[in-house]
């Protein structure tokens, strides 16, 4: 299982361009792992929104992913590392939200919004930049802003 996850990790951190997206290796990555990566990336983005990532935010991200996806701690660290690399290489939140929109129900997307609010509030203060980013992500996930704010 660890070797399989390491192989997936290596595939996830290598950038996928249009040619690679149709290659067999890109299709080998299970959709569940891709969705976990996308969710983790969004959580990392929200933790960076106020220009400082606190230990509480990092711990909340790890706890949220463990609870949402039942990932063990070793796999969780690899997922987080892969997501950090994807965030650094990404040019848009759409890279992550489009995959979520294709595969998640409205209820599952609302759960992601709840996780975003948890991370934003982890340090005890919801910064205006964090709040703004949650609204942007909600828009990209086709969740009405008012509803996203009520999930706070």
N, C-alpha and C. Protein backbone atom coordinates (compact mmCIF):
# COMPACT_ATOMS: atom_id res chain seq x y z
N UNK A 1 0.83 -1.20 0.00
CA UNK A 1 0.00 0.00 0.00
C UNK A 1 0.87 1.26 0.00
N UNK A 2 1.93 1.26 0.81
CA UNK A 2 2.81 2.43 0.87
C UNK A 2 3.46 2.69 -0.49
N UNK A 3 3.95 1.62 -1.14
CA UNK A 3 4.58 1.78 -2.45
C UNK A 3 3.59 2.35 -3.46
N UNK A 4 2.36 1.86 -3.41
CA UNK A 4 1.34 2.36 -4.33
C UNK A 4 1.10 3.85 -4.08
N UNK A 5 1.05 4.25 -2.81
CA UNK A 5 0.80 5.65 -2.52
C UNK A 5 2.00 6.51 -2.93
N UNK A 6 3.22 6.00 -2.74
CA UNK A 6 4.41 6.73 -3.16
C UNK A 6 4.41 6.91 -4.67
N UNK A 7 4.01 5.88 -5.42
CA UNK A 7 3.92 6.00 -6.87
C UNK A 7 2.89 7.05 -7.26
N UNK A 8 1.76 7.05 -6.59
CA UNK A 8 0.72 8.05 -6.86
C UNK A 8 1.25 9.43 -6.52
N UNK A 9 1.92 9.56 -5.38
CA UNK A 9 2.50 10.84 -4.96
C UNK A 9 3.43 11.37 -6.05
N UNK A 10 4.31 10.51 -6.54
CA UNK A 10 5.25 10.94 -7.58
C UNK A 10 4.54 11.39 -8.84
N UNK A 11 3.45 10.73 -9.19
CA UNK A 11 2.68 11.13 -10.37
C UNK A 11 1.95 12.44 -10.13
N UNK A 12 1.46 12.64 -8.90
CA UNK A 12 0.73 13.85 -8.59
C UNK A 12 1.61 15.08 -8.60
N UNK A 13 2.85 14.95 -8.14
CA UNK A 13 3.70 16.13 -8.06
C UNK A 13 4.33 16.50 -9.39
N UNK A 14 4.31 15.59 -10.35
CA UNK A 14 4.82 15.97 -11.65
C UNK A 14 3.72 16.69 -12.40
N UNK A 15 4.04 17.88 -12.92
CA UNK A 15 3.01 18.67 -13.58
C UNK A 15 2.39 17.91 -14.76
N UNK A 16 1.09 18.05 -14.91
CA UNK A 16 0.39 17.38 -16.00
C UNK A 16 0.01 18.42 -17.04
N UNK A 17 0.57 18.31 -18.22
CA UNK A 17 0.16 19.20 -19.30
C UNK A 17 -0.84 18.45 -20.18
N UNK A 18 -1.28 19.08 -21.24
CA UNK A 18 -2.31 18.47 -22.08
C UNK A 18 -1.87 17.13 -22.67
N UNK A 19 -0.61 17.02 -23.08
CA UNK A 19 -0.14 15.75 -23.63
C UNK A 19 -0.14 14.66 -22.57
N UNK A 20 0.35 15.00 -21.38
CA UNK A 20 0.43 14.02 -20.32
C UNK A 20 -0.94 13.62 -19.79
N UNK A 21 -1.90 14.52 -19.85
CA UNK A 21 -3.22 14.23 -19.30
C UNK A 21 -3.87 13.04 -20.00
N UNK A 22 -3.52 12.83 -21.25
CA UNK A 22 -4.12 11.70 -21.97
C UNK A 22 -3.24 10.45 -21.90
N UNK A 23 -2.09 10.57 -21.24
CA UNK A 23 -1.20 9.42 -21.15
C UNK A 23 -1.73 8.40 -20.17
N UNK A 24 -1.33 7.14 -20.32
CA UNK A 24 -1.79 6.10 -19.41
C UNK A 24 -1.43 6.36 -17.95
N UNK A 25 -0.24 6.95 -17.68
CA UNK A 25 0.16 7.16 -16.29
C UNK A 25 -0.75 8.17 -15.59
N UNK A 26 -1.24 9.19 -16.31
CA UNK A 26 -2.14 10.17 -15.70
C UNK A 26 -3.48 9.53 -15.37
N UNK A 27 -3.91 8.60 -16.22
CA UNK A 27 -5.19 7.94 -15.96
C UNK A 27 -5.08 6.90 -14.84
N UNK A 28 -3.86 6.48 -14.49
CA UNK A 28 -3.68 5.48 -13.46
C UNK A 28 -3.92 6.02 -12.06
N UNK A 29 -3.84 7.32 -11.89
CA UNK A 29 -4.03 7.91 -10.57
C UNK A 29 -5.51 7.80 -10.22
N UNK A 30 -5.82 7.09 -9.14
CA UNK A 30 -7.23 6.94 -8.77
C UNK A 30 -7.89 8.29 -8.52
N UNK A 31 -9.11 8.41 -8.96
CA UNK A 31 -9.82 9.68 -8.83
C UNK A 31 -9.94 10.10 -7.36
N UNK A 32 -10.05 9.12 -6.46
CA UNK A 32 -10.15 9.46 -5.02
C UNK A 32 -8.90 10.21 -4.58
N UNK A 33 -7.73 9.79 -5.05
CA UNK A 33 -6.48 10.45 -4.68
C UNK A 33 -6.41 11.85 -5.29
N UNK A 34 -6.88 11.98 -6.52
CA UNK A 34 -6.90 13.30 -7.16
C UNK A 34 -7.82 14.25 -6.40
N UNK A 35 -8.96 13.75 -5.95
CA UNK A 35 -9.90 14.58 -5.19
C UNK A 35 -9.34 14.95 -3.82
N UNK A 36 -8.64 14.02 -3.20
CA UNK A 36 -7.99 14.32 -1.92
C UNK A 36 -6.95 15.40 -2.11
N UNK A 37 -6.19 15.31 -3.18
CA UNK A 37 -5.17 16.30 -3.49
C UNK A 37 -5.81 17.67 -3.72
N UNK A 38 -6.88 17.70 -4.48
CA UNK A 38 -7.56 18.97 -4.77
C UNK A 38 -8.10 19.60 -3.49
N UNK A 39 -8.70 18.79 -2.63
CA UNK A 39 -9.23 19.30 -1.37
C UNK A 39 -8.11 19.83 -0.49
N UNK A 40 -7.04 19.07 -0.39
CA UNK A 40 -5.89 19.50 0.41
C UNK A 40 -5.32 20.81 -0.13
N UNK A 41 -5.23 20.93 -1.43
CA UNK A 41 -4.71 22.16 -2.03
C UNK A 41 -5.57 23.37 -1.67
N UNK A 42 -6.89 23.21 -1.71
CA UNK A 42 -7.78 24.31 -1.34
C UNK A 42 -7.60 24.68 0.14
N UNK A 43 -7.44 23.68 0.99
CA UNK A 43 -7.23 23.94 2.41
C UNK A 43 -5.90 24.67 2.64
N UNK A 44 -4.89 24.28 1.89
CA UNK A 44 -3.60 24.98 1.99
C UNK A 44 -3.72 26.42 1.52
N UNK A 45 -4.46 26.62 0.45
CA UNK A 45 -4.66 27.99 -0.05
C UNK A 45 -5.34 28.87 0.99
N UNK A 46 -6.34 28.33 1.67
CA UNK A 46 -7.04 29.14 2.67
C UNK A 46 -6.12 29.45 3.85
N UNK A 47 -5.23 28.52 4.18
CA UNK A 47 -4.32 28.77 5.30
C UNK A 47 -3.31 29.87 4.96
N UNK A 48 -3.03 30.06 3.68
CA UNK A 48 -2.07 31.09 3.24
C UNK A 48 -2.73 32.45 2.99
N UNK A 49 -4.04 32.49 2.98
CA UNK A 49 -4.76 33.69 2.56
C UNK A 49 -4.43 34.92 3.41
N UNK A 50 -4.18 34.71 4.70
CA UNK A 50 -3.87 35.85 5.57
C UNK A 50 -2.36 36.11 5.66
N UNK A 51 -1.60 35.50 4.78
CA UNK A 51 -0.15 35.69 4.64
C UNK A 51 0.66 35.14 5.81
N UNK A 52 0.05 34.29 6.62
CA UNK A 52 0.79 33.59 7.67
C UNK A 52 0.08 32.28 7.95
N UNK A 53 0.85 31.22 7.95
CA UNK A 53 0.28 29.90 8.20
C UNK A 53 0.64 29.51 9.63
N UNK A 54 -0.38 29.39 10.47
CA UNK A 54 -0.13 29.06 11.87
C UNK A 54 -0.07 27.54 12.06
N UNK A 55 0.51 27.14 13.16
CA UNK A 55 0.55 25.72 13.50
C UNK A 55 -0.87 25.17 13.66
N UNK A 56 -1.76 26.00 14.21
CA UNK A 56 -3.14 25.58 14.39
C UNK A 56 -3.81 25.29 13.05
N UNK A 57 -3.53 26.13 12.06
CA UNK A 57 -4.11 25.92 10.73
C UNK A 57 -3.58 24.63 10.11
N UNK A 58 -2.28 24.40 10.24
CA UNK A 58 -1.69 23.18 9.69
C UNK A 58 -2.28 21.95 10.38
N UNK A 59 -2.39 22.00 11.69
CA UNK A 59 -2.97 20.87 12.44
C UNK A 59 -4.42 20.65 12.05
N UNK A 60 -5.15 21.72 11.83
CA UNK A 60 -6.56 21.62 11.42
C UNK A 60 -6.68 21.00 10.04
N UNK A 61 -5.79 21.37 9.12
CA UNK A 61 -5.79 20.78 7.78
C UNK A 61 -5.58 19.27 7.88
N UNK A 62 -4.59 18.87 8.63
CA UNK A 62 -4.28 17.44 8.76
C UNK A 62 -5.43 16.69 9.42
N UNK A 63 -6.02 17.27 10.46
CA UNK A 63 -7.15 16.63 11.13
C UNK A 63 -8.37 16.54 10.21
N UNK A 64 -8.62 17.60 9.46
CA UNK A 64 -9.77 17.62 8.54
C UNK A 64 -9.63 16.55 7.46
N UNK A 65 -8.43 16.43 6.90
CA UNK A 65 -8.21 15.42 5.86
C UNK A 65 -8.30 14.01 6.42
N UNK A 66 -7.78 13.83 7.62
CA UNK A 66 -7.87 12.51 8.27
C UNK A 66 -9.32 12.12 8.50
N UNK A 67 -10.10 13.08 8.99
CA UNK A 67 -11.52 12.81 9.25
C UNK A 67 -12.31 12.60 7.97
N UNK A 68 -12.07 13.45 6.99
CA UNK A 68 -12.85 13.39 5.75
C UNK A 68 -12.52 12.17 4.90
N UNK A 69 -11.25 11.76 4.89
CA UNK A 69 -10.83 10.71 3.97
C UNK A 69 -10.23 9.48 4.66
N UNK A 70 -10.19 9.45 5.98
CA UNK A 70 -9.62 8.33 6.73
C UNK A 70 -8.22 7.97 6.22
N UNK A 71 -7.35 8.97 6.16
CA UNK A 71 -5.98 8.79 5.68
C UNK A 71 -5.07 8.63 6.89
N UNK A 72 -4.14 7.67 6.83
CA UNK A 72 -3.21 7.52 7.95
C UNK A 72 -2.13 8.61 7.88
N UNK A 73 -1.42 8.80 8.96
CA UNK A 73 -0.50 9.94 9.09
C UNK A 73 0.63 9.93 8.06
N UNK A 74 1.16 8.76 7.74
CA UNK A 74 2.23 8.70 6.74
C UNK A 74 1.75 9.13 5.37
N UNK A 75 0.61 8.61 4.96
CA UNK A 75 0.03 8.99 3.66
C UNK A 75 -0.39 10.45 3.66
N UNK A 76 -0.82 10.92 4.81
CA UNK A 76 -1.28 12.30 4.93
C UNK A 76 -0.14 13.28 4.67
N UNK A 77 1.04 12.99 5.19
CA UNK A 77 2.19 13.88 4.96
C UNK A 77 2.58 13.90 3.49
N UNK A 78 2.51 12.74 2.83
CA UNK A 78 2.82 12.70 1.40
C UNK A 78 1.77 13.48 0.60
N UNK A 79 0.51 13.33 0.98
CA UNK A 79 -0.56 14.07 0.31
C UNK A 79 -0.35 15.57 0.47
N UNK A 80 -0.04 15.99 1.68
CA UNK A 80 0.19 17.41 1.95
C UNK A 80 1.36 17.94 1.13
N UNK A 81 2.44 17.17 1.07
CA UNK A 81 3.60 17.59 0.28
C UNK A 81 3.26 17.71 -1.20
N UNK A 82 2.51 16.74 -1.72
CA UNK A 82 2.10 16.78 -3.12
C UNK A 82 1.20 17.98 -3.37
N UNK A 83 0.29 18.24 -2.45
CA UNK A 83 -0.63 19.38 -2.61
C UNK A 83 0.13 20.70 -2.55
N UNK A 84 1.11 20.80 -1.67
CA UNK A 84 1.91 22.03 -1.59
C UNK A 84 2.61 22.28 -2.92
N UNK A 85 3.14 21.23 -3.51
CA UNK A 85 3.81 21.38 -4.80
C UNK A 85 2.81 21.76 -5.89
N UNK A 86 1.63 21.16 -5.87
CA UNK A 86 0.61 21.51 -6.87
C UNK A 86 0.16 22.96 -6.70
N UNK A 87 0.02 23.42 -5.47
CA UNK A 87 -0.37 24.81 -5.21
C UNK A 87 0.70 25.74 -5.77
N UNK A 88 1.97 25.41 -5.53
CA UNK A 88 3.06 26.24 -6.03
C UNK A 88 3.09 26.30 -7.56
N UNK A 89 2.70 25.21 -8.21
CA UNK A 89 2.74 25.14 -9.67
C UNK A 89 1.44 25.58 -10.34
N UNK A 90 0.41 25.75 -9.56
CA UNK A 90 -0.91 26.07 -10.11
C UNK A 90 -1.02 27.55 -10.44
N UNK A 91 -1.80 27.83 -11.46
CA UNK A 91 -2.04 29.22 -11.82
C UNK A 91 -3.45 29.67 -11.47
N UNK A 92 -4.28 28.73 -11.04
CA UNK A 92 -5.67 29.07 -10.78
C UNK A 92 -6.31 28.06 -9.82
N UNK A 93 -7.26 28.54 -9.05
CA UNK A 93 -8.03 27.65 -8.18
C UNK A 93 -8.88 26.69 -9.01
N UNK A 94 -9.16 27.06 -10.23
CA UNK A 94 -9.96 26.19 -11.11
C UNK A 94 -9.28 24.85 -11.35
N UNK A 95 -7.95 24.82 -11.25
CA UNK A 95 -7.24 23.55 -11.39
C UNK A 95 -7.78 22.53 -10.39
N UNK A 96 -8.19 23.00 -9.23
CA UNK A 96 -8.67 22.12 -8.17
C UNK A 96 -10.19 22.01 -8.14
N UNK A 97 -10.87 23.13 -8.35
CA UNK A 97 -12.33 23.13 -8.23
C UNK A 97 -13.01 22.43 -9.39
N UNK A 98 -12.40 22.45 -10.57
CA UNK A 98 -13.05 21.79 -11.71
C UNK A 98 -13.15 20.28 -11.48
N UNK A 99 -12.12 19.69 -10.92
CA UNK A 99 -12.15 18.26 -10.62
C UNK A 99 -13.22 17.95 -9.57
N UNK A 100 -13.29 18.78 -8.55
CA UNK A 100 -14.28 18.61 -7.49
C UNK A 100 -15.69 18.74 -8.07
N UNK A 101 -15.89 19.72 -8.94
CA UNK A 101 -17.21 19.91 -9.56
C UNK A 101 -17.63 18.70 -10.39
N UNK A 102 -16.69 18.07 -11.03
CA UNK A 102 -17.00 16.92 -11.89
C UNK A 102 -17.41 15.69 -11.08
N UNK A 103 -16.89 15.56 -9.87
CA UNK A 103 -17.04 14.29 -9.15
C UNK A 103 -17.77 14.36 -7.81
N UNK A 104 -17.99 15.56 -7.29
CA UNK A 104 -18.62 15.67 -5.97
C UNK A 104 -20.04 16.20 -6.09
N UNK A 105 -20.88 15.73 -5.19
CA UNK A 105 -22.26 16.23 -5.09
C UNK A 105 -22.25 17.59 -4.40
N UNK A 106 -23.37 18.26 -4.41
CA UNK A 106 -23.49 19.54 -3.71
C UNK A 106 -23.18 19.38 -2.23
N UNK A 107 -23.65 18.31 -1.64
CA UNK A 107 -23.40 18.07 -0.22
C UNK A 107 -21.90 17.89 0.05
N UNK A 108 -21.21 17.16 -0.80
CA UNK A 108 -19.77 16.97 -0.62
C UNK A 108 -19.02 18.29 -0.78
N UNK A 109 -19.48 19.12 -1.71
CA UNK A 109 -18.84 20.42 -1.90
C UNK A 109 -19.09 21.33 -0.70
N UNK A 110 -20.27 21.22 -0.11
CA UNK A 110 -20.57 21.98 1.11
C UNK A 110 -19.66 21.54 2.25
N UNK A 111 -19.34 20.26 2.30
CA UNK A 111 -18.42 19.76 3.34
C UNK A 111 -17.03 20.39 3.16
N UNK A 112 -16.62 20.57 1.93
CA UNK A 112 -15.33 21.22 1.68
C UNK A 112 -15.38 22.66 2.17
N UNK A 113 -16.49 23.36 1.91
CA UNK A 113 -16.62 24.74 2.39
C UNK A 113 -16.53 24.77 3.92
N UNK A 114 -17.17 23.81 4.58
CA UNK A 114 -17.08 23.74 6.05
C UNK A 114 -15.64 23.55 6.50
N UNK A 115 -14.90 22.69 5.78
CA UNK A 115 -13.50 22.48 6.12
C UNK A 115 -12.68 23.75 5.92
N UNK A 116 -12.99 24.48 4.87
CA UNK A 116 -12.30 25.75 4.64
C UNK A 116 -12.53 26.72 5.80
N UNK A 117 -13.76 26.79 6.27
CA UNK A 117 -14.07 27.66 7.41
C UNK A 117 -13.34 27.20 8.67
N UNK A 118 -13.23 25.89 8.86
CA UNK A 118 -12.49 25.37 10.02
C UNK A 118 -11.04 25.83 10.00
N UNK A 119 -10.43 25.72 8.84
CA UNK A 119 -9.03 26.13 8.71
C UNK A 119 -8.91 27.64 8.90
N UNK A 120 -9.81 28.39 8.31
CA UNK A 120 -9.77 29.85 8.45
C UNK A 120 -9.90 30.27 9.91
N UNK A 121 -10.69 29.55 10.67
CA UNK A 121 -10.94 29.91 12.07
C UNK A 121 -9.95 29.26 13.03
N UNK A 122 -9.08 28.40 12.55
CA UNK A 122 -8.17 27.64 13.42
C UNK A 122 -7.29 28.51 14.29
N UNK A 123 -6.87 29.65 13.78
CA UNK A 123 -6.01 30.54 14.56
C UNK A 123 -6.80 31.52 15.42
N UNK A 124 -8.12 31.34 15.45
CA UNK A 124 -8.97 32.17 16.30
C UNK A 124 -9.52 33.41 15.63
N UNK A 125 -9.06 33.72 14.43
CA UNK A 125 -9.51 34.92 13.72
C UNK A 125 -9.75 34.57 12.26
N UNK A 126 -10.91 34.96 11.76
CA UNK A 126 -11.16 34.80 10.32
C UNK A 126 -10.81 36.14 9.66
N UNK A 127 -9.70 36.14 9.00
CA UNK A 127 -9.18 37.32 8.32
C UNK A 127 -10.07 37.65 7.11
N UNK A 128 -10.11 38.92 6.73
CA UNK A 128 -10.93 39.31 5.58
C UNK A 128 -10.47 38.63 4.30
N UNK A 129 -9.18 38.34 4.19
CA UNK A 129 -8.67 37.66 3.00
C UNK A 129 -9.13 36.20 2.96
N UNK A 130 -9.19 35.58 4.14
CA UNK A 130 -9.68 34.20 4.22
C UNK A 130 -11.16 34.14 3.84
N UNK A 131 -11.92 35.07 4.39
CA UNK A 131 -13.35 35.13 4.09
C UNK A 131 -13.59 35.35 2.60
N UNK A 132 -12.81 36.25 2.02
CA UNK A 132 -12.93 36.53 0.58
C UNK A 132 -12.60 35.28 -0.25
N UNK A 133 -11.55 34.57 0.14
CA UNK A 133 -11.15 33.38 -0.61
C UNK A 133 -12.20 32.27 -0.49
N UNK A 134 -12.81 32.13 0.66
CA UNK A 134 -13.89 31.14 0.80
C UNK A 134 -15.03 31.48 -0.17
N UNK A 135 -15.37 32.77 -0.26
CA UNK A 135 -16.44 33.18 -1.19
C UNK A 135 -16.06 32.87 -2.64
N UNK A 136 -14.81 33.10 -3.00
CA UNK A 136 -14.35 32.80 -4.36
C UNK A 136 -14.44 31.30 -4.63
N UNK A 137 -13.97 30.50 -3.69
CA UNK A 137 -14.02 29.04 -3.87
C UNK A 137 -15.47 28.57 -3.94
N UNK A 138 -16.33 29.14 -3.10
CA UNK A 138 -17.75 28.79 -3.14
C UNK A 138 -18.34 29.09 -4.52
N UNK A 139 -17.99 30.24 -5.08
CA UNK A 139 -18.45 30.58 -6.43
C UNK A 139 -17.97 29.54 -7.44
N UNK A 140 -16.72 29.15 -7.34
CA UNK A 140 -16.15 28.17 -8.28
C UNK A 140 -16.77 26.79 -8.11
N UNK A 141 -17.28 26.50 -6.90
CA UNK A 141 -17.93 25.21 -6.64
C UNK A 141 -19.46 25.31 -6.83
N UNK A 142 -19.91 26.43 -7.32
CA UNK A 142 -21.34 26.67 -7.59
C UNK A 142 -22.20 26.55 -6.32
N UNK A 143 -21.66 27.06 -5.23
CA UNK A 143 -22.40 27.13 -3.98
C UNK A 143 -22.71 28.61 -3.76
N UNK A 144 -23.98 28.96 -3.60
CA UNK A 144 -24.33 30.37 -3.41
C UNK A 144 -23.56 30.97 -2.23
N UNK A 145 -23.10 32.20 -2.41
CA UNK A 145 -22.30 32.86 -1.38
C UNK A 145 -23.01 32.90 -0.03
N UNK A 146 -24.29 33.22 -0.06
CA UNK A 146 -25.04 33.31 1.20
C UNK A 146 -25.02 31.96 1.93
N UNK A 147 -25.18 30.90 1.17
CA UNK A 147 -25.14 29.58 1.77
C UNK A 147 -23.75 29.24 2.30
N UNK A 148 -22.73 29.60 1.53
CA UNK A 148 -21.36 29.35 1.97
C UNK A 148 -21.07 30.11 3.26
N UNK A 149 -21.58 31.33 3.36
CA UNK A 149 -21.37 32.12 4.59
C UNK A 149 -22.11 31.49 5.76
N UNK A 150 -23.26 30.87 5.50
CA UNK A 150 -24.02 30.25 6.58
C UNK A 150 -23.36 28.96 7.07
N UNK A 151 -22.47 28.39 6.28
CA UNK A 151 -21.77 27.17 6.68
C UNK A 151 -20.61 27.46 7.62
N UNK A 152 -20.39 28.71 7.84
CA UNK A 152 -19.32 29.21 8.70
C UNK A 152 -19.46 28.64 10.07
